[in-house]
Amino acid sequence: MDGPTQYLQWGFIQISIANLIVIGLLIVVFALAVIARRGEKNRPSTLEALPLSINEKVAKETEVNL
């Protein structure tokens, strides 16, 4: 920690090794979250999970009975 910071330079881009590691970890965590979310196909969406109002329940029941 007392030594000079090491940088990577590629063309006009210059970034410290520590920041590059943090960015890499953020991308990995984001990718894992997206992959984990795709496994929940049977889970209802947020709107489907909300309770129905009385009017919506009656309308849904009449559709089924028709």
N, C-alpha and C. Protein backbone atom coordinates (compact mmCIF):
# COMPACT_ATOMS: atom_id res chain seq x y z
N MET A 1 0.82 -1.20 0.00
CA MET A 1 0.00 0.00 0.00
C MET A 1 0.86 1.26 0.00
N ASP A 2 2.08 1.12 0.46
CA ASP A 2 2.94 2.30 0.49
C ASP A 2 3.65 2.52 -0.84
N GLY A 3 3.61 1.51 -1.72
CA GLY A 3 4.30 1.62 -3.00
C GLY A 3 3.50 2.43 -4.00
N PRO A 4 4.12 2.75 -5.11
CA PRO A 4 3.41 3.52 -6.14
C PRO A 4 2.33 2.66 -6.80
N THR A 5 1.29 3.31 -7.25
CA THR A 5 0.19 2.63 -7.91
C THR A 5 0.62 2.17 -9.29
N GLN A 6 0.23 0.95 -9.64
CA GLN A 6 0.57 0.43 -10.97
C GLN A 6 -0.60 0.67 -11.91
N TYR A 7 -0.29 1.11 -13.10
CA TYR A 7 -1.31 1.43 -14.09
C TYR A 7 -1.13 0.57 -15.34
N LEU A 8 -2.23 0.30 -15.99
CA LEU A 8 -2.22 -0.29 -17.32
C LEU A 8 -2.54 0.82 -18.30
N GLN A 9 -1.81 0.85 -19.39
CA GLN A 9 -2.07 1.87 -20.39
C GLN A 9 -2.27 1.19 -21.73
N TRP A 10 -3.40 1.51 -22.37
CA TRP A 10 -3.73 0.94 -23.67
C TRP A 10 -4.26 2.07 -24.54
N GLY A 11 -3.42 2.56 -25.40
CA GLY A 11 -3.80 3.72 -26.20
C GLY A 11 -3.97 4.93 -25.30
N PHE A 12 -5.14 5.55 -25.37
CA PHE A 12 -5.41 6.71 -24.53
C PHE A 12 -6.06 6.32 -23.20
N ILE A 13 -6.28 5.02 -22.97
CA ILE A 13 -6.92 4.55 -21.73
C ILE A 13 -5.83 4.21 -20.72
N GLN A 14 -5.96 4.75 -19.52
CA GLN A 14 -5.04 4.45 -18.43
C GLN A 14 -5.88 4.17 -17.20
N ILE A 15 -5.68 2.98 -16.59
CA ILE A 15 -6.48 2.58 -15.44
C ILE A 15 -5.58 1.85 -14.45
N SER A 16 -5.85 2.05 -13.17
CA SER A 16 -5.05 1.37 -12.15
C SER A 16 -5.48 -0.10 -12.07
N ILE A 17 -4.56 -0.94 -11.65
CA ILE A 17 -4.83 -2.37 -11.53
C ILE A 17 -5.97 -2.60 -10.53
N ALA A 18 -5.96 -1.87 -9.41
CA ALA A 18 -7.00 -2.05 -8.39
C ALA A 18 -8.38 -1.72 -8.95
N ASN A 19 -8.50 -0.63 -9.69
CA ASN A 19 -9.79 -0.27 -10.28
C ASN A 19 -10.23 -1.28 -11.33
N LEU A 20 -9.29 -1.81 -12.09
CA LEU A 20 -9.62 -2.82 -13.09
C LEU A 20 -10.15 -4.09 -12.43
N ILE A 21 -9.58 -4.47 -11.30
CA ILE A 21 -10.06 -5.65 -10.56
C ILE A 21 -11.48 -5.40 -10.04
N VAL A 22 -11.74 -4.23 -9.51
CA VAL A 22 -13.08 -3.90 -9.00
C VAL A 22 -14.10 -3.93 -10.13
N ILE A 23 -13.77 -3.36 -11.26
CA ILE A 23 -14.69 -3.37 -12.41
C ILE A 23 -14.95 -4.80 -12.87
N GLY A 24 -13.91 -5.61 -12.91
CA GLY A 24 -14.08 -7.02 -13.28
C GLY A 24 -14.99 -7.76 -12.33
N LEU A 25 -14.83 -7.53 -11.02
CA LEU A 25 -15.70 -8.19 -10.04
C LEU A 25 -17.15 -7.73 -10.18
N LEU A 26 -17.37 -6.46 -10.46
CA LEU A 26 -18.73 -5.96 -10.67
C LEU A 26 -19.39 -6.63 -11.87
N ILE A 27 -18.64 -6.81 -12.94
CA ILE A 27 -19.19 -7.47 -14.12
C ILE A 27 -19.52 -8.92 -13.82
N VAL A 28 -18.66 -9.61 -13.07
CA VAL A 28 -18.92 -11.01 -12.72
C VAL A 28 -20.17 -11.12 -11.85
N VAL A 29 -20.32 -10.26 -10.85
CA VAL A 29 -21.50 -10.30 -9.98
C VAL A 29 -22.76 -10.00 -10.78
N PHE A 30 -22.71 -9.04 -11.69
CA PHE A 30 -23.86 -8.72 -12.53
C PHE A 30 -24.24 -9.92 -13.40
N ALA A 31 -23.26 -10.56 -14.01
CA ALA A 31 -23.53 -11.72 -14.86
C ALA A 31 -24.15 -12.85 -14.05
N LEU A 32 -23.65 -13.10 -12.85
CA LEU A 32 -24.21 -14.15 -12.00
C LEU A 32 -25.65 -13.83 -11.61
N ALA A 33 -25.95 -12.56 -11.35
CA ALA A 33 -27.32 -12.17 -11.01
C ALA A 33 -28.26 -12.38 -12.18
N VAL A 34 -27.81 -12.07 -13.38
CA VAL A 34 -28.64 -12.28 -14.57
C VAL A 34 -28.87 -13.77 -14.80
N ILE A 35 -27.84 -14.57 -14.65
CA ILE A 35 -27.97 -16.02 -14.84
C ILE A 35 -28.88 -16.62 -13.79
N ALA A 36 -28.77 -16.19 -12.54
CA ALA A 36 -29.61 -16.71 -11.46
C ALA A 36 -31.06 -16.32 -11.67
N ARG A 37 -31.32 -15.15 -12.21
CA ARG A 37 -32.69 -14.68 -12.44
C ARG A 37 -33.37 -15.47 -13.54
N ARG A 38 -32.62 -15.91 -14.55
CA ARG A 38 -33.22 -16.66 -15.66
C ARG A 38 -33.72 -18.02 -15.21
N GLY A 39 -33.25 -18.53 -14.10
CA GLY A 39 -33.69 -19.83 -13.62
C GLY A 39 -35.06 -19.82 -12.98
N GLU A 40 -35.64 -18.67 -12.78
CA GLU A 40 -36.93 -18.56 -12.10
C GLU A 40 -38.06 -18.41 -13.11
N LYS A 41 -38.23 -19.36 -14.00
CA LYS A 41 -39.26 -19.26 -15.05
C LYS A 41 -40.66 -19.46 -14.48
N ASN A 42 -40.83 -20.26 -13.45
CA ASN A 42 -42.16 -20.56 -12.90
C ASN A 42 -42.65 -19.50 -11.94
N ARG A 43 -41.81 -18.57 -11.58
CA ARG A 43 -42.19 -17.53 -10.63
C ARG A 43 -43.01 -16.46 -11.34
N PRO A 44 -44.17 -16.07 -10.77
CA PRO A 44 -44.98 -15.03 -11.44
C PRO A 44 -44.28 -13.68 -11.39
N SER A 45 -44.61 -12.85 -12.37
CA SER A 45 -44.03 -11.51 -12.38
C SER A 45 -44.60 -10.71 -11.22
N THR A 46 -44.07 -9.53 -11.01
CA THR A 46 -44.50 -8.69 -9.89
C THR A 46 -45.98 -8.37 -9.99
N LEU A 47 -46.46 -8.03 -11.17
CA LEU A 47 -47.88 -7.69 -11.32
C LEU A 47 -48.77 -8.90 -11.13
N GLU A 48 -48.33 -10.07 -11.58
CA GLU A 48 -49.13 -11.28 -11.40
C GLU A 48 -49.18 -11.71 -9.94
N ALA A 49 -48.19 -11.35 -9.16
CA ALA A 49 -48.13 -11.76 -7.76
C ALA A 49 -48.99 -10.87 -6.87
N LEU A 50 -49.39 -9.69 -7.36
CA LEU A 50 -50.21 -8.79 -6.55
C LEU A 50 -51.61 -9.37 -6.38
N PRO A 51 -52.23 -9.16 -5.22
CA PRO A 51 -53.60 -9.66 -5.03
C PRO A 51 -54.57 -8.90 -5.93
N LEU A 52 -55.60 -9.61 -6.39
CA LEU A 52 -56.61 -9.00 -7.25
C LEU A 52 -57.60 -8.18 -6.43
N SER A 53 -58.11 -7.12 -7.03
CA SER A 53 -59.17 -6.37 -6.37
C SER A 53 -60.48 -7.15 -6.52
N ILE A 54 -61.51 -6.74 -5.81
CA ILE A 54 -62.80 -7.44 -5.85
C ILE A 54 -63.37 -7.41 -7.27
N ASN A 55 -63.28 -6.27 -7.95
CA ASN A 55 -63.81 -6.17 -9.31
C ASN A 55 -63.07 -7.11 -10.27
N GLU A 56 -61.76 -7.21 -10.11
CA GLU A 56 -60.99 -8.09 -10.98
C GLU A 56 -61.32 -9.55 -10.70
N LYS A 57 -61.55 -9.90 -9.43
CA LYS A 57 -61.92 -11.28 -9.08
C LYS A 57 -63.25 -11.65 -9.71
N VAL A 58 -64.23 -10.75 -9.63
CA VAL A 58 -65.54 -11.02 -10.20
C VAL A 58 -65.43 -11.16 -11.72
N ALA A 59 -64.68 -10.28 -12.35
CA ALA A 59 -64.52 -10.35 -13.80
C ALA A 59 -63.83 -11.64 -14.21
N LYS A 60 -62.85 -12.07 -13.45
CA LYS A 60 -62.13 -13.30 -13.77
C LYS A 60 -63.03 -14.51 -13.58
N GLU A 61 -63.86 -14.51 -12.54
CA GLU A 61 -64.76 -15.63 -12.29
C GLU A 61 -65.82 -15.73 -13.38
N THR A 62 -66.32 -14.60 -13.85
CA THR A 62 -67.34 -14.64 -14.91
C THR A 62 -66.73 -15.11 -16.22
N GLU A 63 -65.47 -14.82 -16.48
CA GLU A 63 -64.82 -15.32 -17.69
C GLU A 63 -64.70 -16.83 -17.64
N VAL A 64 -64.38 -17.38 -16.48
CA VAL A 64 -64.22 -18.82 -16.33
C VAL A 64 -65.57 -19.52 -16.48
N ASN A 65 -66.63 -18.93 -15.95
CA ASN A 65 -67.95 -19.56 -15.98
C ASN A 65 -68.59 -19.50 -17.36
N LEU A 66 -68.13 -18.61 -18.23
CA LEU A 66 -68.74 -18.49 -19.56
C LEU A 66 -68.34 -19.58 -20.43
